[in-house]
């Protein structure tokens, strides 16, 4: 198959999330190409992990400046909103085809067989979950986009696409419509509605991962039951992680803080603790995530992930 790899957007501020992500990815995919897009300049601690987890930091300063400028124009008072548009740098990176994963995700399987099937599906953009209320907030506009443009209302925390599919010029054109779009987009969701809008307006061929691979569960949000416990992951390959009998390729904690209230916390801790360099670090990490007792959900389940 064509050359492919994984992108992630991260910085030192989300190091707990990123360490769990890196451990999970390398547990099942030790040689898969990985490039981390720096969310901002705070990447000293993250960069020090590059040799351990075999990844490169994407270095495209002119592109980052352009994307930050678009984010600043849309969200002039929100620094986080400005930087979130760096996710679009994945369309300019070294991989011909790629899988993008948010840092608050753990990988639960070997990716090569799945990526082969997804890329051979010949879709321009493949998603793993939907987020209807976090894409187009206005119901009339949402119905119009679905009817006239085939909108799938995807979550862009995990997706497969190809280099060059979305350009800065297309994102800039959407930015020029920001005054109108802000009336129909949800507030403080940043890049997700804009990515949906650009993809929808292109008339691209969209597909859900579970349309191409029916054995996959239609969603990856962590706020739901799983059929196996994290303890069964102690021997890699001993158990497939499933929900309602279908495979979960990832768990995504969209909308949750990285703390003891996370749903399915044991899956996160399984990988986060593997990144600890000493028993003391493991003990401290375990205490931080267990200090208030049994974990509980930080957000009520609505049936669709928060961005």
C-alpha atoms as a PDB file:
ATOM      1  CA  UNK A   1       0.000   0.000   0.000  1.00  0.00           C
ATOM      2  CA  UNK A   2       0.994   3.628  -0.282  1.00  0.00           C
ATOM      3  CA  UNK A   3       3.185   5.082   2.430  1.00  0.00           C
ATOM      4  CA  UNK A   4       1.161   6.041   5.484  1.00  0.00           C
ATOM      5  CA  UNK A   5       1.700   7.164   9.057  1.00  0.00           C
ATOM      6  CA  UNK A   6       0.130   8.685  12.146  1.00  0.00           C
ATOM      7  CA  UNK A   7      -0.140  12.314  13.256  1.00  0.00           C
ATOM      8  CA  UNK A   8      -0.941  13.648  16.701  1.00  0.00           C
ATOM      9  CA  UNK A   9      -1.317  17.225  17.993  1.00  0.00           C
ATOM     10  CA  UNK A  10       0.323  17.739  21.403  1.00  0.00           C
ATOM     11  CA  UNK A  11       2.514  19.809  23.706  1.00  0.00           C
ATOM     12  CA  UNK A  12       3.942  19.642  27.222  1.00  0.00           C
ATOM     13  CA  UNK A  13       0.646  20.753  28.762  1.00  0.00           C
ATOM     14  CA  UNK A  14      -1.020  17.458  27.774  1.00  0.00           C
ATOM     15  CA  UNK A  15       1.910  15.196  28.561  1.00  0.00           C
ATOM     16  CA  UNK A  16      -0.144  12.710  30.612  1.00  0.00           C
ATOM     17  CA  UNK A  17      -2.514  12.193  27.693  1.00  0.00           C
ATOM     18  CA  UNK A  18       0.366  12.005  25.229  1.00  0.00           C
ATOM     19  CA  UNK A  19       2.368   9.466  27.213  1.00  0.00           C
ATOM     20  CA  UNK A  20      -0.617   7.099  27.353  1.00  0.00           C
ATOM     21  CA  UNK A  21      -1.179   7.626  23.630  1.00  0.00           C
ATOM     22  CA  UNK A  22       2.477   6.961  22.786  1.00  0.00           C
ATOM     23  CA  UNK A  23       2.651   3.831  24.938  1.00  0.00           C
ATOM     24  CA  UNK A  24      -0.529   2.429  23.412  1.00  0.00           C
ATOM     25  CA  UNK A  25       0.530   3.188  19.855  1.00  0.00           C
ATOM     26  CA  UNK A  26       3.942   1.592  20.289  1.00  0.00           C
ATOM     27  CA  UNK A  27       2.552  -1.413  22.150  1.00  0.00           C
ATOM     28  CA  UNK A  28       0.679  -2.521  19.044  1.00  0.00           C
ATOM     29  CA  UNK A  29       2.552  -0.614  16.326  1.00  0.00           C
ATOM     30  CA  UNK A  30       6.267  -0.470  17.206  1.00  0.00           C
ATOM     31  CA  UNK A  31       7.447   0.629  13.758  1.00  0.00           C
ATOM     32  CA  UNK A  32       4.586   2.764  12.424  1.00  0.00           C
ATOM     33  CA  UNK A  33       5.679   6.218  11.301  1.00  0.00           C
ATOM     34  CA  UNK A  34       4.626   8.911  13.774  1.00  0.00           C
ATOM     35  CA  UNK A  35       4.840  12.696  13.489  1.00  0.00           C
ATOM     36  CA  UNK A  36       3.704  14.969  16.310  1.00  0.00           C
ATOM     37  CA  UNK A  37       2.362  18.398  15.374  1.00  0.00           C
ATOM     38  CA  UNK A  38       3.406  20.892  18.070  1.00  0.00           C
ATOM     39  CA  UNK A  39       0.362  22.667  19.485  1.00  0.00           C
ATOM     40  CA  UNK A  40       2.621  25.583  20.417  1.00  0.00           C
ATOM     41  CA  UNK A  41       6.226  26.217  21.485  1.00  0.00           C
ATOM     42  CA  UNK A  42       5.874  24.308  24.771  1.00  0.00           C
ATOM     43  CA  UNK A  43       7.409  21.050  23.551  1.00  0.00           C
ATOM     44  CA  UNK A  44      10.711  20.705  25.462  1.00  0.00           C
ATOM     45  CA  UNK A  45       9.567  17.734  27.552  1.00  0.00           C
ATOM     46  CA  UNK A  46       7.679  16.234  24.634  1.00  0.00           C
ATOM     47  CA  UNK A  47      10.658  16.565  22.315  1.00  0.00           C
ATOM     48  CA  UNK A  48      12.851  14.742  24.824  1.00  0.00           C
ATOM     49  CA  UNK A  49      10.651  11.660  24.276  1.00  0.00           C
ATOM     50  CA  UNK A  50      11.201  11.530  20.518  1.00  0.00           C
ATOM     51  CA  UNK A  51      13.940   8.905  20.565  1.00  0.00           C
ATOM     52  CA  UNK A  52      12.157   6.740  23.139  1.00  0.00           C
ATOM     53  CA  UNK A  53       8.936   6.568  21.126  1.00  0.00           C
ATOM     54  CA  UNK A  54      10.455   7.019  17.668  1.00  0.00           C
ATOM     55  CA  UNK A  55       8.633  10.107  16.445  1.00  0.00           C
ATOM     56  CA  UNK A  56       9.481  13.425  14.824  1.00  0.00           C
ATOM     57  CA  UNK A  57       8.129  16.874  15.588  1.00  0.00           C
ATOM     58  CA  UNK A  58       6.676  18.512  12.505  1.00  0.00           C
ATOM     59  CA  UNK A  59       8.639  21.664  11.688  1.00  0.00           C
ATOM     60  CA  UNK A  60       6.708  23.870   9.256  1.00  0.00           C
ATOM     61  CA  UNK A  61       6.869  27.365  10.821  1.00  0.00           C
ATOM     62  CA  UNK A  62       5.392  29.222   7.842  1.00  0.00           C
ATOM     63  CA  UNK A  63       2.435  26.848   7.729  1.00  0.00           C
ATOM     64  CA  UNK A  64       1.939  27.109  11.496  1.00  0.00           C
ATOM     65  CA  UNK A  65       1.951  30.917  11.251  1.00  0.00           C
ATOM     66  CA  UNK A  66      -0.694  30.780   8.515  1.00  0.00           C
ATOM     67  CA  UNK A  67      -2.905  28.383  10.485  1.00  0.00           C
ATOM     68  CA  UNK A  68      -2.456  30.370  13.705  1.00  0.00           C
ATOM     69  CA  UNK A  69      -3.480  33.487  11.788  1.00  0.00           C
ATOM     70  CA  UNK A  70      -6.691  31.831  10.658  1.00  0.00           C
ATOM     71  CA  UNK A  71      -7.417  30.675  14.194  1.00  0.00           C
ATOM     72  CA  UNK A  72      -6.725  34.159  15.523  1.00  0.00           C
ATOM     73  CA  UNK A  73      -9.102  35.716  13.001  1.00  0.00           C
ATOM     74  CA  UNK A  74     -11.904  33.345  13.990  1.00  0.00           C
ATOM     75  CA  UNK A  75     -11.251  33.332  17.746  1.00  0.00           C
ATOM     76  CA  UNK A  76      -9.381  36.583  18.502  1.00  0.00           C
ATOM     77  CA  UNK A  77      -9.738  36.241  22.286  1.00  0.00           C
ATOM     78  CA  UNK A  78      -9.039  32.503  22.675  1.00  0.00           C
ATOM     79  CA  UNK A  79      -5.393  31.384  22.523  1.00  0.00           C
ATOM     80  CA  UNK A  80      -6.403  27.708  22.515  1.00  0.00           C
ATOM     81  CA  UNK A  81      -8.749  28.304  19.591  1.00  0.00           C
ATOM     82  CA  UNK A  82      -5.957  29.912  17.615  1.00  0.00           C
ATOM     83  CA  UNK A  83      -3.663  26.911  18.028  1.00  0.00           C
ATOM     84  CA  UNK A  84      -6.305  24.243  17.387  1.00  0.00           C
ATOM     85  CA  UNK A  85      -6.165  24.966  13.667  1.00  0.00           C
ATOM     86  CA  UNK A  86      -2.681  23.480  13.563  1.00  0.00           C
ATOM     87  CA  UNK A  87      -4.478  20.150  13.200  1.00  0.00           C
ATOM     88  CA  UNK A  88      -4.809  21.045   9.504  1.00  0.00           C
ATOM     89  CA  UNK A  89      -1.014  20.747   9.209  1.00  0.00           C
ATOM     90  CA  UNK A  90      -1.581  16.995   8.856  1.00  0.00           C
ATOM     91  CA  UNK A  91      -2.618  17.673   5.253  1.00  0.00           C
ATOM     92  CA  UNK A  92       0.862  19.095   4.577  1.00  0.00           C
ATOM     93  CA  UNK A  93       3.038  16.539   6.340  1.00  0.00           C
ATOM     94  CA  UNK A  94       5.261  13.789   4.923  1.00  0.00           C
ATOM     95  CA  UNK A  95       2.723  10.943   4.733  1.00  0.00           C
ATOM     96  CA  UNK A  96       0.852  10.240   1.503  1.00  0.00           C
ATOM     97  CA  UNK A  97      -2.010   8.780   3.527  1.00  0.00           C
ATOM     98  CA  UNK A  98      -2.391   9.274   7.245  1.00  0.00           C
ATOM     99  CA  UNK A  99      -4.312   8.570  10.400  1.00  0.00           C
ATOM    100  CA  UNK A 100      -4.783  11.581  12.670  1.00  0.00           C
ATOM    101  CA  UNK A 101      -5.417  10.903  16.370  1.00  0.00           C
ATOM    102  CA  UNK A 102      -5.995  13.379  19.183  1.00  0.00           C
ATOM    103  CA  UNK A 103      -3.641  13.061  22.159  1.00  0.00           C
ATOM    104  CA  UNK A 104      -6.508  11.995  24.457  1.00  0.00           C
ATOM    105  CA  UNK A 105      -6.803   8.657  22.657  1.00  0.00           C
ATOM    106  CA  UNK A 106      -5.348   5.224  23.338  1.00  0.00           C
ATOM    107  CA  UNK A 107      -4.785   2.788  20.487  1.00  0.00           C
ATOM    108  CA  UNK A 108      -6.105  -0.736  21.011  1.00  0.00           C
ATOM    109  CA  UNK A 109      -4.959  -2.710  17.979  1.00  0.00           C
ATOM    110  CA  UNK A 110      -2.376  -3.134  15.246  1.00  0.00           C
ATOM    111  CA  UNK A 111      -3.135  -0.493  12.634  1.00  0.00           C
ATOM    112  CA  UNK A 112      -1.565  -1.857   9.452  1.00  0.00           C
ATOM    113  CA  UNK A 113      -4.372  -4.289   8.469  1.00  0.00           C
ATOM    114  CA  UNK A 114      -7.066  -1.712   9.236  1.00  0.00           C
ATOM    115  CA  UNK A 115      -5.275   1.129   7.437  1.00  0.00           C
ATOM    116  CA  UNK A 116      -4.778  -1.060   4.390  1.00  0.00           C
ATOM    117  CA  UNK A 117      -8.526  -1.665   4.163  1.00  0.00           C
ATOM    118  CA  UNK A 118      -9.437   1.962   4.836  1.00  0.00           C
ATOM    119  CA  UNK A 119      -7.017   3.394   2.267  1.00  0.00           C
ATOM    120  CA  UNK A 120      -8.117   0.839  -0.323  1.00  0.00           C
ATOM    121  CA  UNK A 121     -11.689   2.010   0.294  1.00  0.00           C
ATOM    122  CA  UNK A 122     -10.780   5.035  -1.862  1.00  0.00           C
ATOM    123  CA  UNK A 123     -12.641   7.593   0.259  1.00  0.00           C
ATOM    124  CA  UNK A 124     -11.195  11.091   0.556  1.00  0.00           C
ATOM    125  CA  UNK A 125     -11.944  11.299   4.274  1.00  0.00           C
ATOM    126  CA  UNK A 126     -12.762   8.519   6.742  1.00  0.00           C
ATOM    127  CA  UNK A 127     -14.023   9.146  10.272  1.00  0.00           C
ATOM    128  CA  UNK A 128     -14.483   6.945  13.350  1.00  0.00           C
ATOM    129  CA  UNK A 129     -17.185   8.800  15.265  1.00  0.00           C
ATOM    130  CA  UNK A 130     -19.847  11.465  14.856  1.00  0.00           C
ATOM    131  CA  UNK A 131     -20.618  14.536  16.965  1.00  0.00           C
ATOM    132  CA  UNK A 132     -23.848  16.097  15.622  1.00  0.00           C
ATOM    133  CA  UNK A 133     -24.340  18.679  18.348  1.00  0.00           C
ATOM    134  CA  UNK A 134     -20.692  19.747  18.173  1.00  0.00           C
ATOM    135  CA  UNK A 135     -20.534  20.378  14.434  1.00  0.00           C
ATOM    136  CA  UNK A 136     -23.546  22.454  13.363  1.00  0.00           C
ATOM    137  CA  UNK A 137     -25.524  23.845  16.283  1.00  0.00           C
ATOM    138  CA  UNK A 138     -28.365  25.313  14.238  1.00  0.00           C
ATOM    139  CA  UNK A 139     -30.768  22.459  13.350  1.00  0.00           C
ATOM    140  CA  UNK A 140     -32.007  24.074  10.120  1.00  0.00           C
ATOM    141  CA  UNK A 141     -28.459  24.656   8.881  1.00  0.00           C
ATOM    142  CA  UNK A 142     -27.517  21.110   9.911  1.00  0.00           C
ATOM    143  CA  UNK A 143     -30.390  19.620   7.923  1.00  0.00           C
ATOM    144  CA  UNK A 144     -29.495  21.765   4.918  1.00  0.00           C
ATOM    145  CA  UNK A 145     -25.872  20.609   4.986  1.00  0.00           C
ATOM    146  CA  UNK A 146     -26.968  16.990   5.282  1.00  0.00           C
ATOM    147  CA  UNK A 147     -29.515  17.262   2.496  1.00  0.00           C
ATOM    148  CA  UNK A 148     -27.509  19.351   0.016  1.00  0.00           C
ATOM    149  CA  UNK A 149     -23.929  18.356   0.809  1.00  0.00           C
ATOM    150  CA  UNK A 150     -24.192  14.910   2.378  1.00  0.00           C
ATOM    151  CA  UNK A 151     -22.753  16.056   5.710  1.00  0.00           C
ATOM    152  CA  UNK A 152     -21.842  13.205   8.079  1.00  0.00           C
ATOM    153  CA  UNK A 153     -21.257  15.455  11.144  1.00  0.00           C
ATOM    154  CA  UNK A 154     -17.993  13.737  12.021  1.00  0.00           C
ATOM    155  CA  UNK A 155     -15.767  14.103  15.051  1.00  0.00           C
ATOM    156  CA  UNK A 156     -12.315  15.138  13.875  1.00  0.00           C
ATOM    157  CA  UNK A 157     -10.528  13.621  16.870  1.00  0.00           C
ATOM    158  CA  UNK A 158      -9.675  10.596  14.702  1.00  0.00           C
ATOM    159  CA  UNK A 159      -9.744  10.446  10.920  1.00  0.00           C
ATOM    160  CA  UNK A 160      -7.963   9.058   7.874  1.00  0.00           C
ATOM    161  CA  UNK A 161      -7.195  11.176   4.823  1.00  0.00           C
ATOM    162  CA  UNK A 162      -4.422  12.020   2.364  1.00  0.00           C
ATOM    163  CA  UNK A 163      -1.832  14.712   1.907  1.00  0.00           C
ATOM    164  CA  UNK A 164      -3.150  17.822   0.150  1.00  0.00           C
ATOM    165  CA  UNK A 165      -6.827  16.996   0.570  1.00  0.00           C
ATOM    166  CA  UNK A 166      -7.495  20.261   2.429  1.00  0.00           C
ATOM    167  CA  UNK A 167      -5.495  23.386   1.658  1.00  0.00           C
ATOM    168  CA  UNK A 168      -4.926  26.575   3.609  1.00  0.00           C
ATOM    169  CA  UNK A 169      -6.732  28.491   0.881  1.00  0.00           C
ATOM    170  CA  UNK A 170      -9.914  26.466   1.482  1.00  0.00           C
ATOM    171  CA  UNK A 171      -9.690  27.043   5.212  1.00  0.00           C
ATOM    172  CA  UNK A 172      -9.078  30.753   4.595  1.00  0.00           C
ATOM    173  CA  UNK A 173     -12.214  30.899   2.441  1.00  0.00           C
ATOM    174  CA  UNK A 174     -14.238  29.422   5.303  1.00  0.00           C
ATOM    175  CA  UNK A 175     -12.619  31.925   7.644  1.00  0.00           C
ATOM    176  CA  UNK A 176     -13.893  34.728   5.416  1.00  0.00           C
ATOM    177  CA  UNK A 177     -17.423  33.483   6.186  1.00  0.00           C
ATOM    178  CA  UNK A 178     -16.830  33.417   9.937  1.00  0.00           C
ATOM    179  CA  UNK A 179     -19.410  36.077  10.817  1.00  0.00           C
ATOM    180  CA  UNK A 180     -22.157  34.044   9.147  1.00  0.00           C
ATOM    181  CA  UNK A 181     -20.883  30.684  10.324  1.00  0.00           C
ATOM    182  CA  UNK A 182     -20.606  31.741  13.945  1.00  0.00           C
ATOM    183  CA  UNK A 183     -24.380  32.050  13.955  1.00  0.00           C
ATOM    184  CA  UNK A 184     -24.819  28.359  13.138  1.00  0.00           C
ATOM    185  CA  UNK A 185     -21.687  26.772  14.642  1.00  0.00           C
ATOM    186  CA  UNK A 186     -21.490  25.750  18.305  1.00  0.00           C
ATOM    187  CA  UNK A 187     -19.456  28.076  20.495  1.00  0.00           C
ATOM    188  CA  UNK A 188     -15.900  27.230  21.559  1.00  0.00           C
ATOM    189  CA  UNK A 189     -15.568  24.094  19.467  1.00  0.00           C
ATOM    190  CA  UNK A 190     -12.817  25.724  17.400  1.00  0.00           C
ATOM    191  CA  UNK A 191     -11.596  23.660  14.439  1.00  0.00           C
ATOM    192  CA  UNK A 192     -14.151  20.819  14.269  1.00  0.00           C
ATOM    193  CA  UNK A 193     -17.084  22.639  12.625  1.00  0.00           C
ATOM    194  CA  UNK A 194     -14.712  24.342  10.199  1.00  0.00           C
ATOM    195  CA  UNK A 195     -13.171  21.041   9.115  1.00  0.00           C
ATOM    196  CA  UNK A 196     -16.658  19.584   8.628  1.00  0.00           C
ATOM    197  CA  UNK A 197     -17.726  22.641   6.643  1.00  0.00           C
ATOM    198  CA  UNK A 198     -14.694  22.577   4.341  1.00  0.00           C
ATOM    199  CA  UNK A 199     -15.060  18.842   3.714  1.00  0.00           C
ATOM    200  CA  UNK A 200     -18.819  19.162   3.127  1.00  0.00           C
ATOM    201  CA  UNK A 201     -18.449  22.042   0.675  1.00  0.00           C
ATOM    202  CA  UNK A 202     -15.827  20.138  -1.335  1.00  0.00           C
ATOM    203  CA  UNK A 203     -18.346  17.441  -2.164  1.00  0.00           C
ATOM    204  CA  UNK A 204     -15.729  14.901  -1.159  1.00  0.00           C
ATOM    205  CA  UNK A 205     -16.263  11.189  -0.818  1.00  0.00           C
ATOM    206  CA  UNK A 206     -16.771  10.565   2.911  1.00  0.00           C
ATOM    207  CA  UNK A 207     -16.984   7.223   4.639  1.00  0.00           C
ATOM    208  CA  UNK A 208     -17.254   5.955   8.189  1.00  0.00           C
ATOM    209  CA  UNK A 209     -14.588   3.473   9.221  1.00  0.00           C
ATOM    210  CA  UNK A 210     -17.328   1.040  10.225  1.00  0.00           C
ATOM    211  CA  UNK A 211     -18.869   1.254   6.738  1.00  0.00           C
ATOM    212  CA  UNK A 212     -15.623  -0.079   5.266  1.00  0.00           C
ATOM    213  CA  UNK A 213     -14.800  -2.405   8.180  1.00  0.00           C
ATOM    214  CA  UNK A 214     -18.175  -3.575   9.592  1.00  0.00           C
ATOM    215  CA  UNK A 215     -16.536  -5.342  12.529  1.00  0.00           C
ATOM    216  CA  UNK A 216     -15.720  -1.942  14.055  1.00  0.00           C
ATOM    217  CA  UNK A 217     -18.008  -0.371  16.635  1.00  0.00           C
ATOM    218  CA  UNK A 218     -19.646   2.825  15.296  1.00  0.00           C
ATOM    219  CA  UNK A 219     -17.941   5.194  17.708  1.00  0.00           C
ATOM    220  CA  UNK A 220     -14.836   5.469  19.861  1.00  0.00           C
ATOM    221  CA  UNK A 221     -15.950   7.765  22.703  1.00  0.00           C
ATOM    222  CA  UNK A 222     -14.679   6.492  26.057  1.00  0.00           C
ATOM    223  CA  UNK A 223     -17.952   7.256  27.875  1.00  0.00           C
ATOM    224  CA  UNK A 224     -19.494   3.865  27.390  1.00  0.00           C
ATOM    225  CA  UNK A 225     -19.148   0.251  28.532  1.00  0.00           C
ATOM    226  CA  UNK A 226     -16.562  -2.112  27.098  1.00  0.00           C
ATOM    227  CA  UNK A 227     -16.774  -5.881  26.972  1.00  0.00           C
ATOM    228  CA  UNK A 228     -13.348  -6.547  28.526  1.00  0.00           C
ATOM    229  CA  UNK A 229     -11.364  -4.995  31.350  1.00  0.00           C
ATOM    230  CA  UNK A 230      -8.060  -3.197  31.053  1.00  0.00           C
ATOM    231  CA  UNK A 231      -6.417  -5.949  33.095  1.00  0.00           C
ATOM    232  CA  UNK A 232      -6.884  -8.254  30.118  1.00  0.00           C
ATOM    233  CA  UNK A 233      -4.498  -6.076  28.136  1.00  0.00           C
ATOM    234  CA  UNK A 234      -1.547  -7.105  30.284  1.00  0.00           C
ATOM    235  CA  UNK A 235      -0.658  -9.726  27.723  1.00  0.00           C
ATOM    236  CA  UNK A 236      -0.779  -8.011  24.336  1.00  0.00           C
ATOM    237  CA  UNK A 237      -3.028  -9.841  21.940  1.00  0.00           C
ATOM    238  CA  UNK A 238      -4.685 -11.801  24.734  1.00  0.00           C
ATOM    239  CA  UNK A 239      -7.961  -9.996  24.286  1.00  0.00           C
ATOM    240  CA  UNK A 240      -9.606  -7.799  21.714  1.00  0.00           C
ATOM    241  CA  UNK A 241     -11.265  -4.708  23.133  1.00  0.00           C
ATOM    242  CA  UNK A 242     -14.914  -4.699  22.112  1.00  0.00           C
ATOM    243  CA  UNK A 243     -18.170  -2.868  22.752  1.00  0.00           C
ATOM    244  CA  UNK A 244     -21.386  -4.781  22.140  1.00  0.00           C
ATOM    245  CA  UNK A 245     -19.307  -7.446  20.442  1.00  0.00           C
ATOM    246  CA  UNK A 246     -17.694  -5.096  17.925  1.00  0.00           C
ATOM    247  CA  UNK A 247     -14.042  -4.021  17.871  1.00  0.00           C
ATOM    248  CA  UNK A 248     -12.982  -0.745  19.451  1.00  0.00           C
ATOM    249  CA  UNK A 249      -9.862   0.458  17.611  1.00  0.00           C
ATOM    250  CA  UNK A 250      -9.410   3.388  20.015  1.00  0.00           C
ATOM    251  CA  UNK A 251     -10.823   4.956  23.158  1.00  0.00           C
ATOM    252  CA  UNK A 252     -11.242   8.743  22.961  1.00  0.00           C
ATOM    253  CA  UNK A 253     -11.778  10.841  26.088  1.00  0.00           C
ATOM    254  CA  UNK A 254     -13.144  13.868  24.222  1.00  0.00           C
ATOM    255  CA  UNK A 255     -14.704  16.357  26.641  1.00  0.00           C
ATOM    256  CA  UNK A 256     -13.112  14.895  29.779  1.00  0.00           C
ATOM    257  CA  UNK A 257     -10.343  16.238  31.975  1.00  0.00           C
ATOM    258  CA  UNK A 258      -7.348  14.009  32.527  1.00  0.00           C
ATOM    259  CA  UNK A 259      -8.152  13.085  36.117  1.00  0.00           C
ATOM    260  CA  UNK A 260      -9.806  10.483  38.360  1.00  0.00           C
ATOM    261  CA  UNK A 261     -13.263  11.216  36.919  1.00  0.00           C
ATOM    262  CA  UNK A 262     -12.487   9.781  33.486  1.00  0.00           C
ATOM    263  CA  UNK A 263     -14.731   6.925  32.347  1.00  0.00           C
ATOM    264  CA  UNK A 264     -12.864   3.687  31.679  1.00  0.00           C
ATOM    265  CA  UNK A 265      -9.943   5.106  33.629  1.00  0.00           C
ATOM    266  CA  UNK A 266      -8.235   1.725  33.863  1.00  0.00           C
ATOM    267  CA  UNK A 267      -7.568   1.707  30.135  1.00  0.00           C
ATOM    268  CA  UNK A 268      -5.821   5.061  30.351  1.00  0.00           C
ATOM    269  CA  UNK A 269      -3.830   4.043  33.437  1.00  0.00           C
ATOM    270  CA  UNK A 270      -2.780   0.756  31.868  1.00  0.00           C
ATOM    271  CA  UNK A 271      -0.748   2.679  29.286  1.00  0.00           C
ATOM    272  CA  UNK A 272       0.106   5.793  31.287  1.00  0.00           C
ATOM    273  CA  UNK A 273       1.765   3.750  34.033  1.00  0.00           C
ATOM    274  CA  UNK A 274       3.841   1.871  31.479  1.00  0.00           C
ATOM    275  CA  UNK A 275       5.495   5.191  30.634  1.00  0.00           C
ATOM    276  CA  UNK A 276       6.711   5.673  34.210  1.00  0.00           C
ATOM    277  CA  UNK A 277      10.503   5.449  34.517  1.00  0.00           C
ATOM    278  CA  UNK A 278      10.614   4.301  38.137  1.00  0.00           C
ATOM    279  CA  UNK A 279       8.450   2.740  40.822  1.00  0.00           C
ATOM    280  CA  UNK A 280       8.290   6.114  42.537  1.00  0.00           C
ATOM    281  CA  UNK A 281       6.927   7.774  39.415  1.00  0.00           C
ATOM    282  CA  UNK A 282       4.385   4.981  39.019  1.00  0.00           C
ATOM    283  CA  UNK A 283       3.264   5.396  42.609  1.00  0.00           C
ATOM    284  CA  UNK A 284       2.877   9.161  42.255  1.00  0.00           C
ATOM    285  CA  UNK A 285       1.006   8.811  38.998  1.00  0.00           C
ATOM    286  CA  UNK A 286      -1.322   6.178  40.412  1.00  0.00           C
ATOM    287  CA  UNK A 287      -2.011   8.385  43.431  1.00  0.00           C
ATOM    288  CA  UNK A 288      -2.867  11.409  41.270  1.00  0.00           C
ATOM    289  CA  UNK A 289      -5.494   9.431  39.403  1.00  0.00           C
ATOM    290  CA  UNK A 290      -6.812   7.428  42.372  1.00  0.00           C
ATOM    291  CA  UNK A 291      -6.638   9.935  45.200  1.00  0.00           C
ATOM    292  CA  UNK A 292     -10.393  10.503  45.449  1.00  0.00           C
ATOM    293  CA  UNK A 293     -11.466   6.918  45.162  1.00  0.00           C
ATOM    294  CA  UNK A 294     -13.466   5.203  42.507  1.00  0.00           C
ATOM    295  CA  UNK A 295     -13.553   7.152  39.218  1.00  0.00           C
ATOM    296  CA  UNK A 296     -16.790   8.584  37.940  1.00  0.00           C
ATOM    297  CA  UNK A 297     -17.758  10.250  34.655  1.00  0.00           C
ATOM    298  CA  UNK A 298     -16.938  13.958  34.458  1.00  0.00           C
ATOM    299  CA  UNK A 299     -19.632  14.650  31.887  1.00  0.00           C
ATOM    300  CA  UNK A 300     -23.018  13.092  31.348  1.00  0.00           C
ATOM    301  CA  UNK A 301     -23.238  10.780  28.376  1.00  0.00           C
ATOM    302  CA  UNK A 302     -25.244  12.340  25.566  1.00  0.00           C
ATOM    303  CA  UNK A 303     -24.689   9.660  22.985  1.00  0.00           C
ATOM    304  CA  UNK A 304     -22.177  11.767  21.044  1.00  0.00           C
ATOM    305  CA  UNK A 305     -18.672  12.854  21.929  1.00  0.00           C
ATOM    306  CA  UNK A 306     -17.672  16.331  22.955  1.00  0.00           C
ATOM    307  CA  UNK A 307     -14.905  17.840  20.843  1.00  0.00           C
END
